[in-house]
PDB file of N, CA and C in Angstrom:
ATOM      1  N   UNK A   1     -29.420  12.029 -14.269  1.00  0.00           N
ATOM      2  CA  UNK A   1     -28.414  12.816 -13.337  1.00  0.00           C
ATOM      3  C   UNK A   1     -27.140  13.242 -14.140  1.00  0.00           C
ATOM      4  N   UNK A   2     -26.735  14.462 -14.128  1.00  0.00           N
ATOM      5  CA  UNK A   2     -25.575  14.945 -14.853  1.00  0.00           C
ATOM      6  C   UNK A   2     -24.451  15.367 -14.006  1.00  0.00           C
ATOM      7  N   UNK A   3     -23.440  14.842 -13.796  1.00  0.00           N
ATOM      8  CA  UNK A   3     -22.174  15.018 -13.134  1.00  0.00           C
ATOM      9  C   UNK A   3     -21.906  16.419 -13.457  1.00  0.00           C
ATOM     10  N   UNK A   4     -21.836  17.215 -12.250  1.00  0.00           N
ATOM     11  CA  UNK A   4     -21.694  18.855 -12.146  1.00  0.00           C
ATOM     12  C   UNK A   4     -19.882  18.719 -12.276  1.00  0.00           C
ATOM     13  N   UNK A   5     -19.346  19.666 -12.856  1.00  0.00           N
ATOM     14  CA  UNK A   5     -17.753  19.458 -12.533  1.00  0.00           C
ATOM     15  C   UNK A   5     -17.644  21.023 -12.192  1.00  0.00           C
ATOM     16  N   UNK A   6     -16.648  21.264 -11.558  1.00  0.00           N
ATOM     17  CA  UNK A   6     -16.212  22.682 -11.098  1.00  0.00           C
ATOM     18  C   UNK A   6     -15.356  22.922 -12.103  1.00  0.00           C
ATOM     19  N   UNK A   7     -15.610  25.135 -12.103  1.00  0.00           N
ATOM     20  CA  UNK A   7     -14.853  25.122 -13.308  1.00  0.00           C
ATOM     21  C   UNK A   7     -13.426  25.197 -13.616  1.00  0.00           C
ATOM     22  N   UNK A   8     -12.637  24.556 -12.411  1.00  0.00           N
ATOM     23  CA  UNK A   8     -11.166  24.178 -12.811  1.00  0.00           C
ATOM     24  C   UNK A   8     -11.111  22.719 -12.433  1.00  0.00           C
ATOM     25  N   UNK A   9      -9.761  22.203 -12.795  1.00  0.00           N
ATOM     26  CA  UNK A   9      -9.846  20.901 -12.616  1.00  0.00           C
ATOM     27  C   UNK A   9      -9.481  20.596 -11.323  1.00  0.00           C
ATOM     28  N   UNK A  10     -10.459  19.624 -10.647  1.00  0.00           N
ATOM     29  CA  UNK A  10     -10.038  19.150  -9.105  1.00  0.00           C
ATOM     30  C   UNK A  10      -9.925  17.781  -9.285  1.00  0.00           C
ATOM     31  N   UNK A  11      -8.836  17.527  -8.691  1.00  0.00           N
ATOM     32  CA  UNK A  11      -8.825  16.015  -8.669  1.00  0.00           C
ATOM     33  C   UNK A  11      -9.448  15.373  -7.789  1.00  0.00           C
ATOM     34  N   UNK A  12      -9.529  15.838  -6.834  1.00  0.00           N
ATOM     35  CA  UNK A  12     -10.115  14.930  -5.241  1.00  0.00           C
ATOM     36  C   UNK A  12     -11.124  14.446  -5.754  1.00  0.00           C
ATOM     37  N   UNK A  13     -11.144  13.320  -5.209  1.00  0.00           N
ATOM     38  CA  UNK A  13     -12.187  12.528  -5.692  1.00  0.00           C
ATOM     39  C   UNK A  13     -12.652  11.810  -7.083  1.00  0.00           C
ATOM     40  N   UNK A  14     -11.817  11.687  -7.741  1.00  0.00           N
ATOM     41  CA  UNK A  14     -11.494  11.421  -9.043  1.00  0.00           C
ATOM     42  C   UNK A  14     -11.217   9.856  -8.881  1.00  0.00           C
ATOM     43  N   UNK A  15     -11.162   8.976  -9.907  1.00  0.00           N
ATOM     44  CA  UNK A  15     -10.484   7.679  -9.850  1.00  0.00           C
ATOM     45  C   UNK A  15      -9.254   7.463 -10.015  1.00  0.00           C
ATOM     46  N   UNK A  16      -8.737   8.766 -10.731  1.00  0.00           N
ATOM     47  CA  UNK A  16      -7.139   8.872 -10.989  1.00  0.00           C
ATOM     48  C   UNK A  16      -6.217   8.891  -9.614  1.00  0.00           C
ATOM     49  N   UNK A  17      -7.219  10.025  -8.817  1.00  0.00           N
ATOM     50  CA  UNK A  17      -6.330  10.444  -7.390  1.00  0.00           C
ATOM     51  C   UNK A  17      -6.638   9.173  -6.639  1.00  0.00           C
ATOM     52  N   UNK A  18      -7.459   8.486  -6.366  1.00  0.00           N
ATOM     53  CA  UNK A  18      -7.471   7.119  -5.914  1.00  0.00           C
ATOM     54  C   UNK A  18      -6.220   6.010  -6.092  1.00  0.00           C
ATOM     55  N   UNK A  19      -6.292   5.833  -7.689  1.00  0.00           N
ATOM     56  CA  UNK A  19      -5.644   5.145  -8.452  1.00  0.00           C
ATOM     57  C   UNK A  19      -4.188   5.337  -7.949  1.00  0.00           C
ATOM     58  N   UNK A  20      -3.463   6.653  -8.136  1.00  0.00           N
ATOM     59  CA  UNK A  20      -2.379   6.832  -7.741  1.00  0.00           C
ATOM     60  C   UNK A  20      -1.874   6.831  -6.440  1.00  0.00           C
ATOM     61  N   UNK A  21      -2.777   7.161  -5.421  1.00  0.00           N
ATOM     62  CA  UNK A  21      -2.462   6.951  -3.861  1.00  0.00           C
ATOM     63  C   UNK A  21      -2.503   5.226  -4.020  1.00  0.00           C
ATOM     64  N   UNK A  22      -2.794   4.200  -4.520  1.00  0.00           N
ATOM     65  CA  UNK A  22      -2.745   2.409  -4.133  1.00  0.00           C
ATOM     66  C   UNK A  22      -1.599   2.359  -4.858  1.00  0.00           C
ATOM     67  N   UNK A  23      -1.387   2.883  -6.236  1.00  0.00           N
ATOM     68  CA  UNK A  23       0.156   2.821  -6.674  1.00  0.00           C
ATOM     69  C   UNK A  23       1.289   3.218  -6.103  1.00  0.00           C
ATOM     70  N   UNK A  24       1.122   4.317  -4.992  1.00  0.00           N
ATOM     71  CA  UNK A  24       2.083   4.774  -4.271  1.00  0.00           C
ATOM     72  C   UNK A  24       2.209   3.561  -3.203  1.00  0.00           C
ATOM     73  N   UNK A  25       0.907   3.195  -2.600  1.00  0.00           N
ATOM     74  CA  UNK A  25       1.354   2.047  -1.449  1.00  0.00           C
ATOM     75  C   UNK A  25       1.893   0.871  -2.095  1.00  0.00           C
ATOM     76  N   UNK A  26       1.538   0.409  -3.495  1.00  0.00           N
ATOM     77  CA  UNK A  26       1.983  -0.645  -3.695  1.00  0.00           C
ATOM     78  C   UNK A  26       3.405  -0.651  -3.857  1.00  0.00           C
ATOM     79  N   UNK A  27       4.410   0.507  -4.434  1.00  0.00           N
ATOM     80  CA  UNK A  27       5.457   0.422  -4.486  1.00  0.00           C
ATOM     81  C   UNK A  27       6.144   1.056  -3.544  1.00  0.00           C
ATOM     82  N   UNK A  28       5.502   1.288  -2.113  1.00  0.00           N
ATOM     83  CA  UNK A  28       6.171   1.385  -0.893  1.00  0.00           C
ATOM     84  C   UNK A  28       6.563  -0.314  -0.440  1.00  0.00           C
ATOM     85  N   UNK A  29       5.597  -0.924  -0.722  1.00  0.00           N
ATOM     86  CA  UNK A  29       5.391  -2.484  -0.138  1.00  0.00           C
ATOM     87  C   UNK A  29       6.490  -3.293  -1.136  1.00  0.00           C
ATOM     88  N   UNK A  30       6.581  -3.026  -2.117  1.00  0.00           N
ATOM     89  CA  UNK A  30       7.220  -3.374  -3.097  1.00  0.00           C
ATOM     90  C   UNK A  30       9.135  -3.160  -2.585  1.00  0.00           C
ATOM     91  N   UNK A  31       8.979  -1.721  -2.593  1.00  0.00           N
ATOM     92  CA  UNK A  31      10.580  -1.443  -1.859  1.00  0.00           C
ATOM     93  C   UNK A  31      10.963  -1.821  -0.748  1.00  0.00           C
ATOM     94  N   UNK A  32       9.840  -1.952   0.642  1.00  0.00           N
ATOM     95  CA  UNK A  32       9.966  -2.676   1.670  1.00  0.00           C
ATOM     96  C   UNK A  32      10.583  -4.001   1.737  1.00  0.00           C
ATOM     97  N   UNK A  33       9.870  -5.068   0.928  1.00  0.00           N
ATOM     98  CA  UNK A  33      10.156  -6.250   0.438  1.00  0.00           C
ATOM     99  C   UNK A  33      11.796  -6.286  -0.001  1.00  0.00           C
ATOM    100  N   UNK A  34      12.311  -5.325  -1.018  1.00  0.00           N
ATOM    101  CA  UNK A  34      13.508  -5.234  -1.504  1.00  0.00           C
ATOM    102  C   UNK A  34      14.301  -5.094  -0.288  1.00  0.00           C
ATOM    103  N   UNK A  35      14.090  -4.009   0.749  1.00  0.00           N
ATOM    104  CA  UNK A  35      15.041  -3.882   1.540  1.00  0.00           C
ATOM    105  C   UNK A  35      15.291  -4.935   2.694  1.00  0.00           C
ATOM    106  N   UNK A  36      14.223  -5.503   2.927  1.00  0.00           N
ATOM    107  CA  UNK A  36      14.443  -7.035   3.855  1.00  0.00           C
ATOM    108  C   UNK A  36      15.221  -8.045   2.948  1.00  0.00           C
ATOM    109  N   UNK A  37      15.167  -7.975   1.518  1.00  0.00           N
ATOM    110  CA  UNK A  37      15.863  -9.007   1.040  1.00  0.00           C
ATOM    111  C   UNK A  37      17.235  -8.860   1.063  1.00  0.00           C
ATOM    112  N   UNK A  38      17.408  -7.350   0.893  1.00  0.00           N
ATOM    113  CA  UNK A  38      19.214  -6.546   0.753  1.00  0.00           C
ATOM    114  C   UNK A  38      19.307  -6.858   2.290  1.00  0.00           C
ATOM    115  N   UNK A  39      18.542  -6.699   3.441  1.00  0.00           N
ATOM    116  CA  UNK A  39      19.238  -6.712   4.802  1.00  0.00           C
ATOM    117  C   UNK A  39      19.731  -7.880   5.124  1.00  0.00           C
ATOM    118  N   UNK A  40      18.659  -9.123   4.589  1.00  0.00           N
ATOM    119  CA  UNK A  40      19.064 -10.484   4.733  1.00  0.00           C
ATOM    120  C   UNK A  40      20.428 -10.987   4.406  1.00  0.00           C
ATOM    121  N   UNK A  41      20.634 -10.757   3.261  1.00  0.00           N
ATOM    122  CA  UNK A  41      22.053 -11.099   1.894  1.00  0.00           C
ATOM    123  C   UNK A  41      23.159 -10.280   3.212  1.00  0.00           C
ATOM    124  N   UNK A  42      23.140  -9.050   3.327  1.00  0.00           N
ATOM    125  CA  UNK A  42      23.748  -8.280   4.191  1.00  0.00           C
ATOM    126  C   UNK A  42      24.110  -9.191   5.386  1.00  0.00           C
ATOM    127  N   UNK A  43      23.332  -9.657   6.193  1.00  0.00           N
ATOM    128  CA  UNK A  43      23.349 -10.251   7.774  1.00  0.00           C
ATOM    129  C   UNK A  43      24.214 -11.504   6.857  1.00  0.00           C
ATOM    130  N   UNK A  44      23.803 -12.453   6.175  1.00  0.00           N
ATOM    131  CA  UNK A  44      24.393 -13.675   5.727  1.00  0.00           C
ATOM    132  C   UNK A  44      25.524 -13.228   5.420  1.00  0.00           C
ATOM    133  N   UNK A  45      25.977 -12.201   4.711  1.00  0.00           N
ATOM    134  CA  UNK A  45      27.307 -12.031   4.755  1.00  0.00           C
ATOM    135  C   UNK A  45      28.157 -11.527   5.941  1.00  0.00           C
ATOM    136  N   UNK A  46      27.792 -11.101   6.785  1.00  0.00           N
ATOM    137  CA  UNK A  46      28.201 -10.448   8.167  1.00  0.00           C
ATOM    138  C   UNK A  46      28.801 -11.501   8.766  1.00  0.00           C
ATOM    139  N   UNK A  47      27.874 -12.325   8.848  1.00  0.00           N
ATOM    140  CA  UNK A  47      28.077 -13.538   9.990  1.00  0.00           C
ATOM    141  C   UNK A  47      28.872 -14.874   8.976  1.00  0.00           C
ATOM    142  N   UNK A  48      28.895 -16.261   9.438  1.00  0.00           N
ATOM    143  CA  UNK A  48      29.663 -17.061   8.489  1.00  0.00           C
ATOM    144  C   UNK A  48      28.595 -17.480   7.346  1.00  0.00           C
ATOM    145  N   UNK A  49      29.119 -17.207   6.064  1.00  0.00           N
ATOM    146  CA  UNK A  49      27.959 -18.066   4.917  1.00  0.00           C
ATOM    147  C   UNK A  49      28.227 -19.125   4.893  1.00  0.00           C
ATOM    148  N   UNK A  50      29.130 -19.970   5.322  1.00  0.00           N
ATOM    149  CA  UNK A  50      29.198 -21.612   5.314  1.00  0.00           C
ATOM    150  C   UNK A  50      28.508 -22.427   6.443  1.00  0.00           C
ATOM    151  N   UNK A  51      27.903 -21.589   7.196  1.00  0.00           N
ATOM    152  CA  UNK A  51      27.381 -22.008   8.207  1.00  0.00           C
ATOM    153  C   UNK A  51      25.529 -22.350   7.989  1.00  0.00           C
ATOM    154  N   UNK A  52      25.456 -23.745   7.481  1.00  0.00           N
ATOM    155  CA  UNK A  52      24.175 -23.935   7.412  1.00  0.00           C
ATOM    156  C   UNK A  52      23.029 -23.775   7.986  1.00  0.00           C
ATOM    157  N   UNK A  53      23.511 -23.573   8.985  1.00  0.00           N
ATOM    158  CA  UNK A  53      22.058 -23.424  10.445  1.00  0.00           C
ATOM    159  C   UNK A  53      21.694 -21.820   9.953  1.00  0.00           C
ATOM    160  N   UNK A  54      22.978 -20.932  10.061  1.00  0.00           N
ATOM    161  CA  UNK A  54      22.950 -19.700  10.032  1.00  0.00           C
ATOM    162  C   UNK A  54      21.952 -19.230   8.890  1.00  0.00           C
ATOM    163  N   UNK A  55      22.513 -19.845   7.979  1.00  0.00           N
ATOM    164  CA  UNK A  55      21.700 -19.635   6.383  1.00  0.00           C
ATOM    165  C   UNK A  55      20.332 -19.906   6.314  1.00  0.00           C
ATOM    166  N   UNK A  56      19.849 -21.379   7.141  1.00  0.00           N
ATOM    167  CA  UNK A  56      18.557 -21.489   7.175  1.00  0.00           C
ATOM    168  C   UNK A  56      18.013 -20.767   8.194  1.00  0.00           C
ATOM    169  N   UNK A  57      18.514 -20.339   9.354  1.00  0.00           N
ATOM    170  CA  UNK A  57      17.301 -19.161   9.791  1.00  0.00           C
ATOM    171  C   UNK A  57      17.642 -17.798   9.457  1.00  0.00           C
ATOM    172  N   UNK A  58      18.561 -17.274   8.471  1.00  0.00           N
ATOM    173  CA  UNK A  58      18.653 -16.000   7.999  1.00  0.00           C
ATOM    174  C   UNK A  58      17.187 -16.238   7.130  1.00  0.00           C
ATOM    175  N   UNK A  59      17.205 -17.125   6.208  1.00  0.00           N
ATOM    176  CA  UNK A  59      16.151 -17.377   5.226  1.00  0.00           C
ATOM    177  C   UNK A  59      14.550 -17.261   5.706  1.00  0.00           C
ATOM    178  N   UNK A  60      14.775 -18.140   7.040  1.00  0.00           N
ATOM    179  CA  UNK A  60      13.534 -17.912   7.718  1.00  0.00           C
ATOM    180  C   UNK A  60      13.080 -17.071   8.289  1.00  0.00           C
ATOM    181  N   UNK A  61      13.792 -16.260   8.920  1.00  0.00           N
ATOM    182  CA  UNK A  61      13.568 -14.594   9.422  1.00  0.00           C
ATOM    183  C   UNK A  61      13.231 -13.849   8.384  1.00  0.00           C
ATOM    184  N   UNK A  62      14.005 -13.943   7.135  1.00  0.00           N
ATOM    185  CA  UNK A  62      13.665 -13.218   5.962  1.00  0.00           C
ATOM    186  C   UNK A  62      12.483 -13.245   5.450  1.00  0.00           C
ATOM    187  N   UNK A  63      11.947 -14.620   5.366  1.00  0.00           N
ATOM    188  CA  UNK A  63      10.507 -14.939   4.997  1.00  0.00           C
ATOM    189  C   UNK A  63       9.219 -14.686   5.798  1.00  0.00           C
ATOM    190  N   UNK A  64       9.629 -14.701   7.416  1.00  0.00           N
ATOM    191  CA  UNK A  64       8.468 -14.403   8.428  1.00  0.00           C
ATOM    192  C   UNK A  64       8.323 -12.848   8.074  1.00  0.00           C
ATOM    193  N   UNK A  65       9.445 -12.014   8.177  1.00  0.00           N
ATOM    194  CA  UNK A  65       9.547 -10.623   7.749  1.00  0.00           C
ATOM    195  C   UNK A  65       8.670  -9.904   6.906  1.00  0.00           C
ATOM    196  N   UNK A  66       8.676 -10.704   5.861  1.00  0.00           N
ATOM    197  CA  UNK A  66       8.262 -10.545   4.723  1.00  0.00           C
ATOM    198  C   UNK A  66       6.622 -10.792   4.688  1.00  0.00           C
ATOM    199  N   UNK A  67       6.520 -11.725   5.147  1.00  0.00           N
ATOM    200  CA  UNK A  67       4.805 -12.842   5.420  1.00  0.00           C
ATOM    201  C   UNK A  67       4.000 -11.571   6.576  1.00  0.00           C
ATOM    202  N   UNK A  68       4.796 -11.286   7.521  1.00  0.00           N
ATOM    203  CA  UNK A  68       4.314 -10.301   8.313  1.00  0.00           C
ATOM    204  C   UNK A  68       3.963  -8.942   7.609  1.00  0.00           C
ATOM    205  N   UNK A  69       4.715  -8.451   6.933  1.00  0.00           N
ATOM    206  CA  UNK A  69       4.524  -7.042   6.545  1.00  0.00           C
ATOM    207  C   UNK A  69       3.322  -6.998   5.228  1.00  0.00           C
ATOM    208  N   UNK A  70       3.575  -7.907   4.440  1.00  0.00           N
ATOM    209  CA  UNK A  70       2.378  -8.456   3.561  1.00  0.00           C
ATOM    210  C   UNK A  70       0.880  -8.586   4.476  1.00  0.00           C
ATOM    211  N   UNK A  71       0.778  -9.375   5.537  1.00  0.00           N
ATOM    212  CA  UNK A  71      -0.268  -9.274   5.878  1.00  0.00           C
ATOM    213  C   UNK A  71      -0.938  -8.284   6.493  1.00  0.00           C
ATOM    214  N   UNK A  72       0.341  -7.342   7.529  1.00  0.00           N
ATOM    215  CA  UNK A  72      -0.089  -5.818   7.870  1.00  0.00           C
ATOM    216  C   UNK A  72      -0.706  -5.051   6.974  1.00  0.00           C
ATOM    217  N   UNK A  73       0.165  -5.152   5.427  1.00  0.00           N
ATOM    218  CA  UNK A  73      -0.577  -4.533   4.482  1.00  0.00           C
ATOM    219  C   UNK A  73      -1.715  -4.686   4.415  1.00  0.00           C
ATOM    220  N   UNK A  74      -2.022  -5.934   4.025  1.00  0.00           N
ATOM    221  CA  UNK A  74      -3.542  -5.921   3.653  1.00  0.00           C
ATOM    222  C   UNK A  74      -4.376  -5.881   4.277  1.00  0.00           C
ATOM    223  N   UNK A  75      -4.085  -5.785   5.842  1.00  0.00           N
ATOM    224  CA  UNK A  75      -5.218  -5.203   6.515  1.00  0.00           C
ATOM    225  C   UNK A  75      -5.090  -3.736   6.707  1.00  0.00           C
ATOM    226  N   UNK A  76      -4.404  -2.832   6.553  1.00  0.00           N
ATOM    227  CA  UNK A  76      -4.236  -1.630   6.078  1.00  0.00           C
ATOM    228  C   UNK A  76      -4.714  -1.141   4.842  1.00  0.00           C
ATOM    229  N   UNK A  77      -4.451  -1.823   3.811  1.00  0.00           N
ATOM    230  CA  UNK A  77      -5.047  -1.645   2.682  1.00  0.00           C
ATOM    231  C   UNK A  77      -6.555  -1.897   2.340  1.00  0.00           C
ATOM    232  N   UNK A  78      -6.554  -2.685   3.382  1.00  0.00           N
ATOM    233  CA  UNK A  78      -8.385  -3.165   3.289  1.00  0.00           C
ATOM    234  C   UNK A  78      -9.116  -2.216   3.721  1.00  0.00           C
ATOM    235  N   UNK A  79      -8.899  -1.692   5.272  1.00  0.00           N
ATOM    236  CA  UNK A  79      -9.251  -0.517   5.537  1.00  0.00           C
ATOM    237  C   UNK A  79      -8.959   0.869   4.460  1.00  0.00           C
ATOM    238  N   UNK A  80      -8.030   0.851   3.949  1.00  0.00           N
ATOM    239  CA  UNK A  80      -8.111   2.363   3.161  1.00  0.00           C
ATOM    240  C   UNK A  80      -8.878   2.121   2.111  1.00  0.00           C
ATOM    241  N   UNK A  81      -9.055   1.019   1.377  1.00  0.00           N
ATOM    242  CA  UNK A  81     -10.044   0.761   0.185  1.00  0.00           C
ATOM    243  C   UNK A  81     -11.335   0.920   0.797  1.00  0.00           C
ATOM    244  N   UNK A  82     -11.988   0.712   1.756  1.00  0.00           N
ATOM    245  CA  UNK A  82     -13.049   1.011   2.249  1.00  0.00           C
ATOM    246  C   UNK A  82     -13.326   2.658   2.661  1.00  0.00           C
ATOM    247  N   UNK A  83     -12.398   3.094   3.168  1.00  0.00           N
ATOM    248  CA  UNK A  83     -12.469   4.950   3.194  1.00  0.00           C
ATOM    249  C   UNK A  83     -12.541   5.101   2.168  1.00  0.00           C
ATOM    250  N   UNK A  84     -11.494   4.737   1.002  1.00  0.00           N
ATOM    251  CA  UNK A  84     -11.237   5.588  -0.022  1.00  0.00           C
ATOM    252  C   UNK A  84     -12.685   5.742  -0.793  1.00  0.00           C
ATOM    253  N   UNK A  85     -13.277   4.384  -0.881  1.00  0.00           N
ATOM    254  CA  UNK A  85     -14.391   3.880  -1.837  1.00  0.00           C
ATOM    255  C   UNK A  85     -15.590   4.777  -1.205  1.00  0.00           C
ATOM    256  N   UNK A  86     -15.504   5.235   0.275  1.00  0.00           N
ATOM    257  CA  UNK A  86     -16.684   6.310   0.582  1.00  0.00           C
ATOM    258  C   UNK A  86     -16.608   7.185   0.423  1.00  0.00           C
ATOM    259  N   UNK A  87     -14.973   7.693   0.259  1.00  0.00           N
ATOM    260  CA  UNK A  87     -14.812   9.398  -0.072  1.00  0.00           C
ATOM    261  C   UNK A  87     -15.255   9.370  -1.670  1.00  0.00           C
ATOM    262  N   UNK A  88     -15.038   8.084  -2.380  1.00  0.00           N
ATOM    263  CA  UNK A  88     -14.935   8.405  -3.956  1.00  0.00           C
ATOM    264  C   UNK A  88     -16.752   8.819  -4.216  1.00  0.00           C
ATOM    265  N   UNK A  89     -17.527   7.991  -3.281  1.00  0.00           N
ATOM    266  CA  UNK A  89     -18.867   8.302  -3.622  1.00  0.00           C
ATOM    267  C   UNK A  89     -19.293   9.505  -2.941  1.00  0.00           C
ATOM    268  N   UNK A  90     -18.649   9.728  -1.735  1.00  0.00           N
ATOM    269  CA  UNK A  90     -19.302  11.448  -1.595  1.00  0.00           C
ATOM    270  C   UNK A  90     -18.738  12.161  -2.151  1.00  0.00           C
ATOM    271  N   UNK A  91     -17.630  12.215  -3.371  1.00  0.00           N
ATOM    272  CA  UNK A  91     -17.376  13.137  -4.054  1.00  0.00           C
ATOM    273  C   UNK A  91     -18.155  13.517  -5.022  1.00  0.00           C
ATOM    274  N   UNK A  92     -19.024  12.062  -5.539  1.00  0.00           N
ATOM    275  CA  UNK A  92     -19.699  12.158  -6.656  1.00  0.00           C
ATOM    276  C   UNK A  92     -20.797  12.503  -6.025  1.00  0.00           C
ATOM    277  N   UNK A  93     -21.543  12.588  -4.814  1.00  0.00           N
ATOM    278  CA  UNK A  93     -22.835  13.453  -4.481  1.00  0.00           C
ATOM    279  C   UNK A  93     -22.762  14.762  -4.359  1.00  0.00           C
ATOM    280  N   UNK A  94     -21.063  15.209  -3.886  1.00  0.00           N
ATOM    281  CA  UNK A  94     -21.101  16.625  -3.905  1.00  0.00           C
ATOM    282  C   UNK A  94     -21.024  17.374  -5.219  1.00  0.00           C
ATOM    283  N   UNK A  95     -20.510  16.226  -6.180  1.00  0.00           N
ATOM    284  CA  UNK A  95     -20.417  16.923  -7.883  1.00  0.00           C
ATOM    285  C   UNK A  95     -21.820  16.990  -8.200  1.00  0.00           C
ATOM    286  N   UNK A  96     -22.753  16.518  -7.796  1.00  0.00           N
ATOM    287  CA  UNK A  96     -24.201  16.206  -8.294  1.00  0.00           C
ATOM    288  C   UNK A  96     -24.929  17.127  -7.399  1.00  0.00           C
ATOM    289  N   UNK A  97     -24.324  18.025  -6.843  1.00  0.00           N
ATOM    290  CA  UNK A  97     -25.416  19.120  -5.655  1.00  0.00           C
ATOM    291  C   UNK A  97     -25.965  18.776  -4.561  1.00  0.00           C
ATOM    292  N   UNK A  98     -25.428  17.438  -4.281  1.00  0.00           N
ATOM    293  CA  UNK A  98     -25.948  16.655  -2.534  1.00  0.00           C
ATOM    294  C   UNK A  98     -25.317  17.101  -1.722  1.00  0.00           C
ATOM    295  N   UNK A  99     -25.433  17.073  -0.519  1.00  0.00           N
ATOM    296  CA  UNK A  99     -24.779  17.295   0.781  1.00  0.00           C
ATOM    297  C   UNK A  99     -23.757  16.126   0.896  1.00  0.00           C
ATOM    298  N   UNK A 100     -22.640  16.305   1.678  1.00  0.00           N
ATOM    299  CA  UNK A 100     -21.496  15.230   1.884  1.00  0.00           C
ATOM    300  C   UNK A 100     -22.560  14.045   3.069  1.00  0.00           C
ATOM    301  N   UNK A 101     -22.410  12.828   2.721  1.00  0.00           N
ATOM    302  CA  UNK A 101     -23.051  11.963   3.911  1.00  0.00           C
ATOM    303  C   UNK A 101     -21.988  11.494   4.821  1.00  0.00           C
ATOM    304  N   UNK A 102     -22.425  11.515   6.157  1.00  0.00           N
ATOM    305  CA  UNK A 102     -21.504  11.041   7.060  1.00  0.00           C
ATOM    306  C   UNK A 102     -21.495   9.791   7.315  1.00  0.00           C
TER     307      UNK A 102
END
């Protein structure tokens, strides 16, 4: 079976297409974690920075928010991976002249 390529460069369905999307989501998650770190530091400066209880609570809330973000992102990313993997193989079927699988 030889992979049929269109006469023009079509990025849909290629591994590079999905890799770019994964990297964009990874960058978004990293950026969100940095924003949470900055917000926690700003909150600590806005309140009394010498209060040990306030510092501990800010650290706990920051870590909880990051953990919740990562758990939610992992679940979302897993479902995106499933969908993208199916689409990737569907595109290979189409490029080989077969009909799309539903």
